Each structure stands twice: as structure tokens, then as C-alpha cells.
C-alpha atoms as a PDB file:
ATOM      1  CA  MET A   1     -69.528-164.589-104.530  1.00  0.00           C
ATOM      2  CA  GLY A   2     -65.852-165.335-105.402  1.00  0.00           C
ATOM      3  CA  ILE A   3     -63.668-162.192-106.289  1.00  0.00           C
ATOM      4  CA  PHE A   4     -63.718-162.818-110.125  1.00  0.00           C
ATOM      5  CA  ALA A   5     -67.515-162.907-109.862  1.00  0.00           C
ATOM      6  CA  LYS A   6     -67.557-159.749-107.816  1.00  0.00           C
ATOM      7  CA  LEU A   7     -65.285-157.856-110.193  1.00  0.00           C
ATOM      8  CA  LYS A   8     -67.175-159.251-113.411  1.00  0.00           C
ATOM      9  CA  ALA A   9     -70.315-157.942-111.700  1.00  0.00           C
ATOM     10  CA  SER A  10     -68.627-154.416-110.873  1.00  0.00           C
ATOM     11  CA  LEU A  11     -67.591-153.884-114.545  1.00  0.00           C
ATOM     12  CA  GLN A  12     -70.667-154.955-116.181  1.00  0.00           C
ATOM     13  CA  GLY A  13     -72.433-152.216-114.194  1.00  0.00           C
ATOM     14  CA  ARG A  14     -70.374-149.751-116.160  1.00  0.00           C
ATOM     15  CA  ASP A  15     -71.299-147.867-119.458  1.00  0.00           C
ATOM     16  CA  ASP A  16     -67.649-148.070-120.339  1.00  0.00           C
ATOM     17  CA  ALA A  17     -66.899-151.867-119.916  1.00  0.00           C
ATOM     18  CA  ASP A  18     -66.107-152.615-123.365  1.00  0.00           C
ATOM     19  CA  ARG A  19     -63.701-149.741-123.406  1.00  0.00           C
ATOM     20  CA  TYR A  20     -61.885-150.945-120.094  1.00  0.00           C
ATOM     21  CA  LEU A  21     -61.636-154.479-121.532  1.00  0.00           C
ATOM     22  CA  LYS A  22     -60.254-153.359-124.949  1.00  0.00           C
ATOM     23  CA  GLY A  23     -57.755-150.726-123.295  1.00  0.00           C
ATOM     24  CA  LEU A  24     -56.365-153.320-120.991  1.00  0.00           C
ATOM     25  CA  ASP A  25     -56.126-156.185-123.480  1.00  0.00           C
ATOM     26  CA  LYS A  26     -52.264-155.829-123.731  1.00  0.00           C
ATOM     27  CA  SER A  27     -51.791-155.923-119.843  1.00  0.00           C
ATOM     28  CA  LYS A  28     -54.350-158.903-119.372  1.00  0.00           C
ATOM     29  CA  LYS A  29     -51.861-160.802-121.875  1.00  0.00           C
ATOM     30  CA  THR A  30     -48.966-160.118-119.658  1.00  0.00           C
ATOM     31  CA  PHE A  31     -50.627-160.589-116.356  1.00  0.00           C
ATOM     32  CA  GLY A  32     -53.798-162.601-116.553  1.00  0.00           C
ATOM     33  CA  ASP A  33     -53.178-165.001-119.505  1.00  0.00           C
ATOM     34  CA  ARG A  34     -49.724-165.867-118.028  1.00  0.00           C
ATOM     35  CA  LEU A  35     -51.076-166.598-114.618  1.00  0.00           C
ATOM     36  CA  ARG A  36     -53.492-168.688-115.813  1.00  0.00           C
ATOM     37  CA  ARG A  37     -50.991-171.018-117.684  1.00  0.00           C
ATOM     38  CA  LEU A  38     -49.554-171.755-113.956  1.00  0.00           C
ATOM     39  CA  ALA A  39     -52.457-173.855-113.427  1.00  0.00           C
ATOM     40  CA  ASN A  40     -50.597-176.466-115.748  1.00  0.00           C
ATOM     41  CA  GLY A  41     -48.775-178.454-113.267  1.00  0.00           C
ATOM     42  CA  PHE A  42     -49.860-176.638-110.323  1.00  0.00           C
ATOM     43  CA  ARG A  43     -48.402-178.467-107.064  1.00  0.00           C
ATOM     44  CA  GLY A  44     -49.310-175.763-104.477  1.00  0.00           C
ATOM     45  CA  VAL A  45     -47.755-172.582-103.288  1.00  0.00           C
ATOM     46  CA  ASP A  46     -44.169-173.614-103.048  1.00  0.00           C
ATOM     47  CA  ASP A  47     -41.009-171.663-103.797  1.00  0.00           C
ATOM     48  CA  GLU A  48     -41.036-172.457-107.296  1.00  0.00           C
ATOM     49  CA  PHE A  49     -44.728-171.351-107.836  1.00  0.00           C
ATOM     50  CA  LEU A  50     -44.097-168.084-106.011  1.00  0.00           C
ATOM     51  CA  GLU A  51     -40.869-167.272-108.150  1.00  0.00           C
ATOM     52  CA  GLU A  52     -43.246-167.705-110.970  1.00  0.00           C
ATOM     53  CA  VAL A  53     -45.690-165.248-109.639  1.00  0.00           C
ATOM     54  CA  MET A  54     -43.160-162.847-108.910  1.00  0.00           C
ATOM     55  CA  ILE A  55     -41.860-162.968-112.451  1.00  0.00           C
ATOM     56  CA  ILE A  56     -45.320-162.380-113.815  1.00  0.00           C
ATOM     57  CA  LEU A  57     -45.673-159.402-111.630  1.00  0.00           C
ATOM     58  CA  LEU A  58     -42.298-157.858-112.450  1.00  0.00           C
ATOM     59  CA  GLU A  59     -43.028-158.319-116.286  1.00  0.00           C
ATOM     60  CA  ALA A  60     -46.375-156.471-115.821  1.00  0.00           C
ATOM     61  CA  ASP A  61     -44.285-153.560-114.150  1.00  0.00           C
ATOM     62  CA  VAL A  62     -45.629-153.944-110.769  1.00  0.00           C
ATOM     63  CA  GLY A  63     -41.720-153.060-109.563  1.00  0.00           C
ATOM     64  CA  ILE A  64     -39.692-155.295-107.183  1.00  0.00           C
ATOM     65  CA  HIS A  65     -41.034-153.534-104.003  1.00  0.00           C
ATOM     66  CA  THR A  66     -44.496-153.919-104.355  1.00  0.00           C
ATOM     67  CA  ALA A  67     -44.179-157.595-106.072  1.00  0.00           C
ATOM     68  CA  GLU A  68     -42.349-158.835-103.096  1.00  0.00           C
ATOM     69  CA  LYS A  69     -45.190-157.535-100.856  1.00  0.00           C
ATOM     70  CA  ILE A  70     -47.804-159.242-103.039  1.00  0.00           C
ATOM     71  CA  THR A  71     -46.130-162.529-103.145  1.00  0.00           C
ATOM     72  CA  ALA A  72     -45.524-162.326 -99.510  1.00  0.00           C
ATOM     73  CA  ARG A  73     -49.006-161.864 -98.644  1.00  0.00           C
ATOM     74  CA  LEU A  74     -50.110-164.443-100.922  1.00  0.00           C
ATOM     75  CA  GLU A  75     -47.824-167.069 -99.304  1.00  0.00           C
ATOM     76  CA  ASN A  76     -49.332-165.822 -95.947  1.00  0.00           C
ATOM     77  CA  GLU A  77     -52.830-166.012 -96.849  1.00  0.00           C
ATOM     78  CA  ALA A  78     -52.542-169.241 -98.603  1.00  0.00           C
ATOM     79  CA  ALA A  79     -51.111-170.815 -95.492  1.00  0.00           C
ATOM     80  CA  ARG A  80     -53.750-169.079 -93.072  1.00  0.00           C
ATOM     81  CA  GLN A  81     -56.813-170.100 -95.289  1.00  0.00           C
ATOM     82  CA  ARG A  82     -55.241-173.672 -96.187  1.00  0.00           C
ATOM     83  CA  LEU A  83     -55.744-173.029 -99.830  1.00  0.00           C
ATOM     84  CA  LYS A  84     -55.091-175.954-102.117  1.00  0.00           C
ATOM     85  CA  THR A  85     -56.331-175.556-105.416  1.00  0.00           C
ATOM     86  CA  PHE A  86     -54.939-173.106-108.446  1.00  0.00           C
ATOM     87  CA  ASP A  87     -58.392-171.494-108.350  1.00  0.00           C
ATOM     88  CA  GLU A  88     -58.191-170.651-104.696  1.00  0.00           C
ATOM     89  CA  ILE A  89     -54.942-169.238-105.022  1.00  0.00           C
ATOM     90  CA  SER A  90     -55.595-167.213-107.992  1.00  0.00           C
ATOM     91  CA  GLU A  91     -58.498-165.792-106.317  1.00  0.00           C
ATOM     92  CA  CYS A  92     -56.412-165.062-103.166  1.00  0.00           C
ATOM     93  CA  LEU A  93     -53.700-163.401-105.378  1.00  0.00           C
ATOM     94  CA  VAL A  94     -56.550-160.918-106.873  1.00  0.00           C
ATOM     95  CA  SER A  95     -58.054-160.429-103.396  1.00  0.00           C
ATOM     96  CA  VAL A  96     -54.430-159.317-102.071  1.00  0.00           C
ATOM     97  CA  MET A  97     -53.820-157.006-104.775  1.00  0.00           C
ATOM     98  CA  LEU A  98     -57.536-155.397-104.495  1.00  0.00           C
ATOM     99  CA  GLU A  99     -56.725-155.067-100.610  1.00  0.00           C
ATOM    100  CA  MET A 100     -53.524-153.238-100.970  1.00  0.00           C
ATOM    101  CA  TYR A 101     -54.838-150.891-103.168  1.00  0.00           C
ATOM    102  CA  GLN A 102     -57.875-150.048-101.016  1.00  0.00           C
ATOM    103  CA  GLU A 103     -55.614-149.748 -97.818  1.00  0.00           C
ATOM    104  CA  HIS A 104     -55.269-146.083 -98.770  1.00  0.00           C
ATOM    105  CA  THR A 105     -58.078-143.774 -98.096  1.00  0.00           C
ATOM    106  CA  ASP A 106     -58.747-141.432-100.935  1.00  0.00           C
ATOM    107  CA  ALA A 107     -59.778-137.750-100.353  1.00  0.00           C
ATOM    108  CA  GLU A 108     -62.632-136.877-102.430  1.00  0.00           C
ATOM    109  CA  VAL A 109     -61.848-134.640-105.491  1.00  0.00           C
ATOM    110  CA  GLN A 110     -61.924-130.947-104.616  1.00  0.00           C
ATOM    111  CA  VAL A 111     -64.663-128.924-106.148  1.00  0.00           C
ATOM    112  CA  ASN A 112     -64.961-125.103-105.657  1.00  0.00           C
ATOM    113  CA  GLU A 113     -68.574-124.774-104.792  1.00  0.00           C
ATOM    114  CA  ASN A 114     -68.236-120.933-104.821  1.00  0.00           C
ATOM    115  CA  GLY A 115     -66.630-120.511-108.120  1.00  0.00           C
ATOM    116  CA  THR A 116     -64.093-121.964-110.591  1.00  0.00           C
ATOM    117  CA  THR A 117     -62.470-125.194-109.891  1.00  0.00           C
ATOM    118  CA  VAL A 118     -58.671-125.066-111.067  1.00  0.00           C
ATOM    119  CA  ILE A 119     -57.009-128.132-112.043  1.00  0.00           C
ATOM    120  CA  LEU A 120     -53.227-128.220-112.815  1.00  0.00           C
ATOM    121  CA  LEU A 121     -51.777-130.772-115.100  1.00  0.00           C
ATOM    122  CA  VAL A 122     -48.190-131.496-114.641  1.00  0.00           C
ATOM    123  CA  GLY A 123     -45.660-134.010-115.993  1.00  0.00           C
ATOM    124  CA  VAL A 124     -42.711-134.450-118.129  1.00  0.00           C
ATOM    125  CA  ASN A 125     -43.036-133.818-121.936  1.00  0.00           C
ATOM    126  CA  GLY A 126     -44.180-136.629-123.891  1.00  0.00           C
ATOM    127  CA  SER A 127     -46.611-138.057-121.371  1.00  0.00           C
ATOM    128  CA  GLY A 128     -49.472-136.910-122.897  1.00  0.00           C
ATOM    129  CA  LYS A 129     -50.500-133.709-120.910  1.00  0.00           C
ATOM    130  CA  THR A 130     -51.875-131.517-123.817  1.00  0.00           C
ATOM    131  CA  THR A 131     -53.936-134.399-125.187  1.00  0.00           C
ATOM    132  CA  THR A 132     -54.845-135.399-121.642  1.00  0.00           C
ATOM    133  CA  ALA A 133     -56.309-131.739-121.014  1.00  0.00           C
ATOM    134  CA  ALA A 134     -58.303-131.952-124.212  1.00  0.00           C
ATOM    135  CA  LYS A 135     -59.546-135.180-123.173  1.00  0.00           C
ATOM    136  CA  LEU A 136     -60.466-134.202-119.554  1.00  0.00           C
ATOM    137  CA  THR A 137     -62.194-131.148-121.015  1.00  0.00           C
ATOM    138  CA  LYS A 138     -64.452-133.410-123.105  1.00  0.00           C
ATOM    139  CA  THR A 139     -65.343-135.408-119.932  1.00  0.00           C
ATOM    140  CA  LEU A 140     -66.320-132.376-117.937  1.00  0.00           C
ATOM    141  CA  SER A 141     -68.102-130.664-120.834  1.00  0.00           C
ATOM    142  CA  ASP A 142     -70.149-133.898-121.488  1.00  0.00           C
ATOM    143  CA  GLN A 143     -71.194-133.670-117.662  1.00  0.00           C
ATOM    144  CA  GLY A 144     -72.594-130.166-118.320  1.00  0.00           C
ATOM    145  CA  ASN A 145     -69.802-128.192-116.955  1.00  0.00           C
ATOM    146  CA  SER A 146     -68.207-124.944-118.671  1.00  0.00           C
ATOM    147  CA  VAL A 147     -64.532-125.305-119.132  1.00  0.00           C
ATOM    148  CA  VAL A 148     -61.726-122.916-119.933  1.00  0.00           C
ATOM    149  CA  LEU A 149     -58.278-124.179-121.045  1.00  0.00           C
ATOM    150  CA  ALA A 150     -54.720-122.134-120.102  1.00  0.00           C
ATOM    151  CA  ALA A 151     -52.022-123.050-122.376  1.00  0.00           C
ATOM    152  CA  ALA A 152     -49.442-122.605-119.732  1.00  0.00           C
ATOM    153  CA  ASP A 153     -46.834-124.853-121.410  1.00  0.00           C
ATOM    154  CA  THR A 154     -45.170-121.818-123.159  1.00  0.00           C
ATOM    155  CA  PHE A 155     -41.802-123.468-123.717  1.00  0.00           C
ATOM    156  CA  ARG A 156     -42.537-126.444-125.971  1.00  0.00           C
ATOM    157  CA  ALA A 157     -42.919-125.469-129.499  1.00  0.00           C
ATOM    158  CA  GLY A 158     -46.192-126.123-130.793  1.00  0.00           C
ATOM    159  CA  ALA A 159     -47.964-126.793-127.335  1.00  0.00           C
ATOM    160  CA  VAL A 160     -49.734-123.703-127.255  1.00  0.00           C
ATOM    161  CA  ASP A 161     -51.125-123.866-131.036  1.00  0.00           C
ATOM    162  CA  GLN A 162     -52.005-127.797-130.121  1.00  0.00           C
ATOM    163  CA  LEU A 163     -54.092-126.769-127.141  1.00  0.00           C
ATOM    164  CA  ALA A 164     -55.945-123.789-128.766  1.00  0.00           C
ATOM    165  CA  ARG A 165     -56.818-126.217-131.738  1.00  0.00           C
ATOM    166  CA  TRP A 166     -58.200-128.408-129.248  1.00  0.00           C
ATOM    167  CA  GLY A 167     -60.174-125.536-127.655  1.00  0.00           C
ATOM    168  CA  GLU A 168     -61.690-124.952-131.097  1.00  0.00           C
ATOM    169  CA  ARG A 169     -62.530-128.552-131.924  1.00  0.00           C
ATOM    170  CA  LEU A 170     -64.337-128.968-128.403  1.00  0.00           C
ATOM    171  CA  ASN A 171     -65.755-125.352-128.462  1.00  0.00           C
ATOM    172  CA  VAL A 172     -64.020-124.094-125.267  1.00  0.00           C
ATOM    173  CA  PRO A 173     -62.104-120.946-124.695  1.00  0.00           C
ATOM    174  CA  CYS A 174     -58.216-121.272-124.605  1.00  0.00           C
ATOM    175  CA  ILE A 175     -56.359-118.609-123.099  1.00  0.00           C
ATOM    176  CA  LYS A 176     -52.733-118.503-124.274  1.00  0.00           C
ATOM    177  CA  GLY A 177     -49.629-116.165-124.054  1.00  0.00           C
ATOM    178  CA  ARG A 178     -46.640-116.027-126.371  1.00  0.00           C
ATOM    179  CA  GLU A 179     -44.248-118.770-127.135  1.00  0.00           C
ATOM    180  CA  ASN A 180     -41.501-118.711-124.381  1.00  0.00           C
ATOM    181  CA  GLY A 181     -43.333-116.246-122.339  1.00  0.00           C
ATOM    182  CA  ASP A 182     -44.045-116.342-118.556  1.00  0.00           C
ATOM    183  CA  PRO A 183     -46.507-119.531-118.018  1.00  0.00           C
ATOM    184  CA  SER A 184     -47.744-117.903-114.866  1.00  0.00           C
ATOM    185  CA  ALA A 185     -49.005-114.849-116.607  1.00  0.00           C
ATOM    186  CA  VAL A 186     -51.104-117.118-118.845  1.00  0.00           C
ATOM    187  CA  LEU A 187     -52.616-118.755-115.766  1.00  0.00           C
ATOM    188  CA  VAL A 188     -53.502-115.372-114.032  1.00  0.00           C
ATOM    189  CA  ASP A 189     -55.253-114.414-117.505  1.00  0.00           C
ATOM    190  CA  ALA A 190     -57.112-117.487-117.441  1.00  0.00           C
ATOM    191  CA  CYS A 191     -58.180-117.164-113.751  1.00  0.00           C
ATOM    192  CA  ARG A 192     -59.651-113.720-114.533  1.00  0.00           C
ATOM    193  CA  TYR A 193     -61.237-115.085-117.554  1.00  0.00           C
ATOM    194  CA  ALA A 194     -62.921-117.944-115.725  1.00  0.00           C
ATOM    195  CA  CYS A 195     -64.061-115.733-112.864  1.00  0.00           C
ATOM    196  CA  GLU A 196     -65.517-113.085-115.078  1.00  0.00           C
ATOM    197  CA  HIS A 197     -67.448-115.473-117.050  1.00  0.00           C
ATOM    198  CA  HIS A 198     -68.404-117.810-114.393  1.00  0.00           C
ATOM    199  CA  ILE A 199     -66.605-120.696-115.698  1.00  0.00           C
ATOM    200  CA  ASP A 200     -66.841-124.244-113.659  1.00  0.00           C
ATOM    201  CA  TYR A 201     -63.488-125.551-114.372  1.00  0.00           C
ATOM    202  CA  LEU A 202     -60.187-124.229-115.569  1.00  0.00           C
ATOM    203  CA  ILE A 203     -57.772-126.935-116.663  1.00  0.00           C
ATOM    204  CA  GLY A 204     -54.051-125.559-117.060  1.00  0.00           C
ATOM    205  CA  ASP A 205     -51.609-127.412-119.293  1.00  0.00           C
ATOM    206  CA  THR A 206     -48.072-126.810-117.737  1.00  0.00           C
ATOM    207  CA  ALA A 207     -44.436-127.018-119.006  1.00  0.00           C
ATOM    208  CA  GLY A 208     -42.653-130.404-118.710  1.00  0.00           C
ATOM    209  CA  ARG A 209     -39.331-129.204-120.084  1.00  0.00           C
ATOM    210  CA  LEU A 210     -37.323-127.736-117.078  1.00  0.00           C
ATOM    211  CA  GLN A 211     -33.739-128.595-116.968  1.00  0.00           C
ATOM    212  CA  ASN A 212     -33.474-129.055-113.292  1.00  0.00           C
ATOM    213  CA  LYS A 213     -35.530-129.881-110.072  1.00  0.00           C
ATOM    214  CA  VAL A 214     -34.691-126.372-108.744  1.00  0.00           C
ATOM    215  CA  ASN A 215     -36.271-124.976-111.790  1.00  0.00           C
ATOM    216  CA  LEU A 216     -39.225-126.961-111.558  1.00  0.00           C
ATOM    217  CA  MET A 217     -39.827-126.035-108.059  1.00  0.00           C
ATOM    218  CA  ASN A 218     -39.547-122.628-108.633  1.00  0.00           C
ATOM    219  CA  GLU A 219     -41.901-122.436-111.560  1.00  0.00           C
ATOM    220  CA  LEU A 220     -44.498-124.661-109.933  1.00  0.00           C
ATOM    221  CA  GLY A 221     -44.384-122.846-106.822  1.00  0.00           C
ATOM    222  CA  LYS A 222     -44.831-119.267-108.742  1.00  0.00           C
ATOM    223  CA  MET A 223     -47.932-120.940-110.642  1.00  0.00           C
ATOM    224  CA  ARG A 224     -49.519-121.954-107.258  1.00  0.00           C
ATOM    225  CA  ARG A 225     -48.889-118.703-105.552  1.00  0.00           C
ATOM    226  CA  VAL A 226     -50.370-116.712-108.704  1.00  0.00           C
ATOM    227  CA  ILE A 227     -53.232-118.961-109.109  1.00  0.00           C
ATOM    228  CA  GLU A 228     -54.094-118.862-105.110  1.00  0.00           C
ATOM    229  CA  ARG A 229     -53.923-115.021-105.341  1.00  0.00           C
ATOM    230  CA  GLU A 230     -56.610-115.111-108.014  1.00  0.00           C
ATOM    231  CA  ILE A 231     -58.826-117.801-106.776  1.00  0.00           C
ATOM    232  CA  PRO A 232     -58.313-118.617-102.914  1.00  0.00           C
ATOM    233  CA  GLY A 233     -57.942-122.265-102.361  1.00  0.00           C
ATOM    234  CA  ALA A 234     -56.848-122.858-105.950  1.00  0.00           C
ATOM    235  CA  PRO A 235     -55.388-124.880-107.451  1.00  0.00           C
ATOM    236  CA  HIS A 236     -57.820-127.354-106.165  1.00  0.00           C
ATOM    237  CA  GLU A 237     -56.352-130.285-107.828  1.00  0.00           C
ATOM    238  CA  VAL A 238     -52.746-131.034-109.239  1.00  0.00           C
ATOM    239  CA  TRP A 239     -52.728-134.209-111.394  1.00  0.00           C
ATOM    240  CA  LEU A 240     -49.464-135.848-112.398  1.00  0.00           C
ATOM    241  CA  VAL A 241     -49.868-137.130-115.910  1.00  0.00           C
ATOM    242  CA  LEU A 242     -47.645-140.223-116.540  1.00  0.00           C
ATOM    243  CA  ASP A 243     -47.107-142.200-119.742  1.00  0.00           C
ATOM    244  CA  ALA A 244     -47.960-146.033-118.562  1.00  0.00           C
ATOM    245  CA  THR A 245     -45.526-147.242-121.189  1.00  0.00           C
ATOM    246  CA  THR A 246     -42.628-145.909-119.287  1.00  0.00           C
ATOM    247  CA  GLY A 247     -43.223-148.296-116.528  1.00  0.00           C
ATOM    248  CA  GLN A 248     -40.747-147.999-113.397  1.00  0.00           C
ATOM    249  CA  ASN A 249     -39.216-144.712-115.004  1.00  0.00           C
ATOM    250  CA  GLY A 250     -42.630-143.140-114.336  1.00  0.00           C
ATOM    251  CA  ILE A 251     -42.275-143.667-110.633  1.00  0.00           C
ATOM    252  CA  GLN A 252     -39.109-141.789-110.632  1.00  0.00           C
ATOM    253  CA  GLN A 253     -40.602-138.880-112.653  1.00  0.00           C
ATOM    254  CA  ALA A 254     -43.435-139.051-110.048  1.00  0.00           C
ATOM    255  CA  LYS A 255     -41.199-138.770-107.089  1.00  0.00           C
ATOM    256  CA  VAL A 256     -39.399-135.466-108.666  1.00  0.00           C
ATOM    257  CA  PHE A 257     -42.841-133.951-109.233  1.00  0.00           C
ATOM    258  CA  LEU A 258     -43.791-134.862-105.551  1.00  0.00           C
ATOM    259  CA  GLU A 259     -40.907-133.019-104.296  1.00  0.00           C
ATOM    260  CA  ALA A 260     -41.654-129.999-106.519  1.00  0.00           C
ATOM    261  CA  THR A 261     -45.418-129.711-105.750  1.00  0.00           C
ATOM    262  CA  LYS A 262     -48.377-131.064-104.013  1.00  0.00           C
ATOM    263  CA  VAL A 263     -49.505-133.517-106.375  1.00  0.00           C
ATOM    264  CA  SER A 264     -53.119-134.750-105.477  1.00  0.00           C
ATOM    265  CA  GLY A 265     -53.551-137.607-108.127  1.00  0.00           C
ATOM    266  CA  ILE A 266     -52.175-139.246-111.001  1.00  0.00           C
ATOM    267  CA  ILE A 267     -53.548-139.602-114.667  1.00  0.00           C
ATOM    268  CA  LEU A 268     -51.974-142.674-116.261  1.00  0.00           C
ATOM    269  CA  THR A 269     -52.057-142.333-120.151  1.00  0.00           C
ATOM    270  CA  LYS A 270     -51.332-144.937-122.993  1.00  0.00           C
ATOM    271  CA  MET A 271     -52.610-147.720-120.815  1.00  0.00           C
ATOM    272  CA  ASP A 272     -54.069-149.251-124.208  1.00  0.00           C
ATOM    273  CA  GLY A 273     -50.510-149.164-125.517  1.00  0.00           C
ATOM    274  CA  THR A 274     -48.861-151.115-122.791  1.00  0.00           C
ATOM    275  CA  ALA A 275     -48.532-154.473-121.428  1.00  0.00           C
ATOM    276  CA  LYS A 276     -47.132-153.183-118.305  1.00  0.00           C
ATOM    277  CA  GLY A 277     -50.600-152.314-116.428  1.00  0.00           C
ATOM    278  CA  GLY A 278     -49.080-153.373-112.997  1.00  0.00           C
ATOM    279  CA  ILE A 279     -47.933-149.747-112.919  1.00  0.00           C
ATOM    280  CA  VAL A 280     -50.949-148.824-111.351  1.00  0.00           C
ATOM    281  CA  LEU A 281     -50.393-151.126-108.154  1.00  0.00           C
ATOM    282  CA  ALA A 282     -46.597-149.693-108.133  1.00  0.00           C
ATOM    283  CA  ILE A 283     -47.767-146.115-107.952  1.00  0.00           C
ATOM    284  CA  ARG A 284     -50.238-146.982-105.361  1.00  0.00           C
ATOM    285  CA  ASP A 285     -47.945-148.781-102.958  1.00  0.00           C
ATOM    286  CA  GLN A 286     -44.932-146.654-103.513  1.00  0.00           C
ATOM    287  CA  LEU A 287     -46.556-143.185-103.564  1.00  0.00           C
ATOM    288  CA  GLY A 288     -49.672-143.528-101.997  1.00  0.00           C
ATOM    289  CA  LEU A 289     -51.494-141.452-104.556  1.00  0.00           C
ATOM    290  CA  PRO A 290     -54.928-142.131-106.186  1.00  0.00           C
ATOM    291  CA  VAL A 291     -55.033-143.112-109.855  1.00  0.00           C
ATOM    292  CA  ARG A 292     -57.831-140.570-111.071  1.00  0.00           C
ATOM    293  CA  TYR A 293     -58.205-141.491-114.612  1.00  0.00           C
ATOM    294  CA  ILE A 294     -56.483-143.929-117.200  1.00  0.00           C
ATOM    295  CA  GLY A 295     -56.316-143.321-120.820  1.00  0.00           C
ATOM    296  CA  LEU A 296     -57.596-146.378-122.749  1.00  0.00           C
ATOM    297  CA  GLY A 297     -57.490-144.856-126.327  1.00  0.00           C
ATOM    298  CA  GLU A 298     -56.943-141.844-128.285  1.00  0.00           C
ATOM    299  CA  GLN A 299     -60.305-140.380-128.728  1.00  0.00           C
ATOM    300  CA  PRO A 300     -61.241-137.801-126.347  1.00  0.00           C
ATOM    301  CA  GLN A 301     -63.979-140.115-124.852  1.00  0.00           C
ATOM    302  CA  ASP A 302     -61.135-142.651-123.973  1.00  0.00           C
ATOM    303  CA  LEU A 303     -60.117-140.963-120.927  1.00  0.00           C
ATOM    304  CA  ARG A 304     -61.849-142.876-118.152  1.00  0.00           C
ATOM    305  CA  PRO A 305     -62.314-142.599-114.536  1.00  0.00           C
ATOM    306  CA  PHE A 306     -60.184-145.087-112.821  1.00  0.00           C
ATOM    307  CA  ASP A 307     -61.923-147.896-110.955  1.00  0.00           C
ATOM    308  CA  ILE A 308     -59.716-150.380-109.387  1.00  0.00           C
ATOM    309  CA  GLU A 309     -62.313-153.312-109.402  1.00  0.00           C
ATOM    310  CA  SER A 310     -62.865-152.745-113.231  1.00  0.00           C
ATOM    311  CA  TYR A 311     -58.848-152.457-113.794  1.00  0.00           C
ATOM    312  CA  LEU A 312     -58.607-155.693-112.031  1.00  0.00           C
ATOM    313  CA  TYR A 313     -61.184-157.461-114.063  1.00  0.00           C
ATOM    314  CA  GLY A 314     -59.492-156.153-116.949  1.00  0.00           C
ATOM    315  CA  ILE A 315     -56.152-157.390-116.382  1.00  0.00           C
ATOM    316  CA  CYS A 316     -57.689-160.832-115.229  1.00  0.00           C
ATOM    317  CA  GLU A 317     -60.530-161.029-117.620  1.00  0.00           C
ATOM    318  CA  GLY A 318     -61.423-164.794-118.076  1.00  0.00           C
ATOM    319  CA  MET A 319     -59.503-166.145-115.138  1.00  0.00           C
ATOM    320  CA  GLY A 320     -62.399-167.187-113.079  1.00  0.00           C
ATOM    321  CA  ASP A 321     -64.704-168.531-116.089  1.00  0.00           C
ATOM    322  CA  HIS A 322     -63.697-172.071-115.339  1.00  0.00           C
ATOM    323  CA  ALA A 323     -63.854-171.911-111.422  1.00  0.00           C
END
């Protein structure tokens, strides 16, 4: 079974297959559709072809470092396997991308078997943290879990009220403090509420507006300490929320947060609104972090668990149909 057939079979086994395909349609036009057009006039894996592949990777926002790695591996594999046809080369390219993502071994998502699992969402303002907190609540609630929200983004005007409204809509409690108050105090109250009411998950929506790295480190450090004091071993996960439409700027944001706190995973929002879906591969290659969820639309159910095979099929849909 070729790689495209394997990816297709993997996606067809998912109940959110249509959502994946629709949400990645813009990225497919930038990557898969453009790659397929290289079949016209294909003469082999020469410098001109590799340069064209590099351009497609860069325009999909894979980033120069990762794009160079992918094209070098493609060239080596094509020579080693003596691949001749465009179909063989395109399959090889996607296999290289899959292997590069899978080179890192991901830890399982930590779950507190003896109490509340605490998930902190971090990231810059505008990345979609508050909406993502709501979507994650919907996902966990649909799985039969109880959830409490902590509105710890006390600095952004309206953020607390926005999360509280989501809590009402999703029928989950939202612990909040006053605007411009101490976000760590909100998290302490939320931890105590969660423990007293035997809540399965606490999701903390944190501030993204901190003027410099020192402030960010101090604030996130304080949050971790107060949470750990209330629930030993917490926070169990710290997920960085990145706006996929920002492209390589997202990588720079991620590096700042990685210096400031122990990030355990990435949530990529607004994937349906960007043609730059290659950012997934750049994140993986440059940061070594797993993408846990991707946002494929505006509805609460559009936050989907990330799956590399479904993602690759989504951005390459139709490429193997003529093979």
C-alpha cells in the first residue's frame, strides 16, 4: 500500500474526516495542488525540481530550516531508491514529512488519576486562547468529564466576561476575579473549587499581555507554584496556543514561552483560515513539541485532536488518486 492510500485509509476511519478536509482546504491549495502541478514537464529530481519543491514548502510556511531538511532527505531517498516517476517522488516526499514528524516520541497527555487534572493555556493575546479554552471544555465535557474554567486572563479587557459567557453557554462553572486583579489568586480559588466539587478538569485561561520576558517568566512561575501548592503535580499540561495564520512569527512566540515555562504541547488555532498549514512541520522540527489539537473552524466542536496522518492527507488530498 502506497503512502497516499495509507493516509486516506487512516482519515476515512475518523468520524471527523470531513471536518479535517474542509478545515485544511486552503493549505491543500498551497501545498498539494501546487505540488501536483509539478508533474507537468517532470524530468527527474534535478536542481530545478528541488528548488520548486523548496518554494512550495516555504510558501506553505514550513520555514527555511525545515524545508532544507525535507528537500535534502527527498534528494537522498530518491537516489537511494532509484525513484524515477513523479508519483514515486511525490510519495517519497510525503513519506519523508511523515517520518520527520514521527521521529520525536511524545509523552502521553498527563491525567491526574487521583483528582483534578489542571491544563494551563498560555500564549499571546489574539492567538485564540479564550475561545480555545471554551472549545477544549466542550471536547472534554462531551467525553463525560466535569470541567471548571479559571478566568486568569485578568489584564485583557473583557476576557473574564467572555470566558464567563462561554461557561454559561457550556453549562460549566467559571471562577473569576476582578479585572486587573492577581491571576494567581483566581487559579488558587479555581483549584480549591475543583477539589471541593471533585471536578475532573480545570482549564486555566492565562494572560498574554505581559510587557517583557521577565514579567512573563515571573507571572507564569508564580502561577505554577500556587497551582502546585493546591494540587500536587499540577499543572499537568501547559499548552501553548498559537495562531496558525501568523506563520513563522508563531515559532518566535513559542520560543519566548518555552524559555518562560515548561510547555508540554501546542494548540494551533485558525488552521481553516490559513494557507500556511506547513507550520505544523516547522513546530515539530524546530521545537520538538507535539501538536495536541488544531482549530478547523469557529464552532466549539471544530477543535480536533491532531493526527499527523490525517493532516498530511488533508493537505495532499487527491494527489494519489491518479497513481
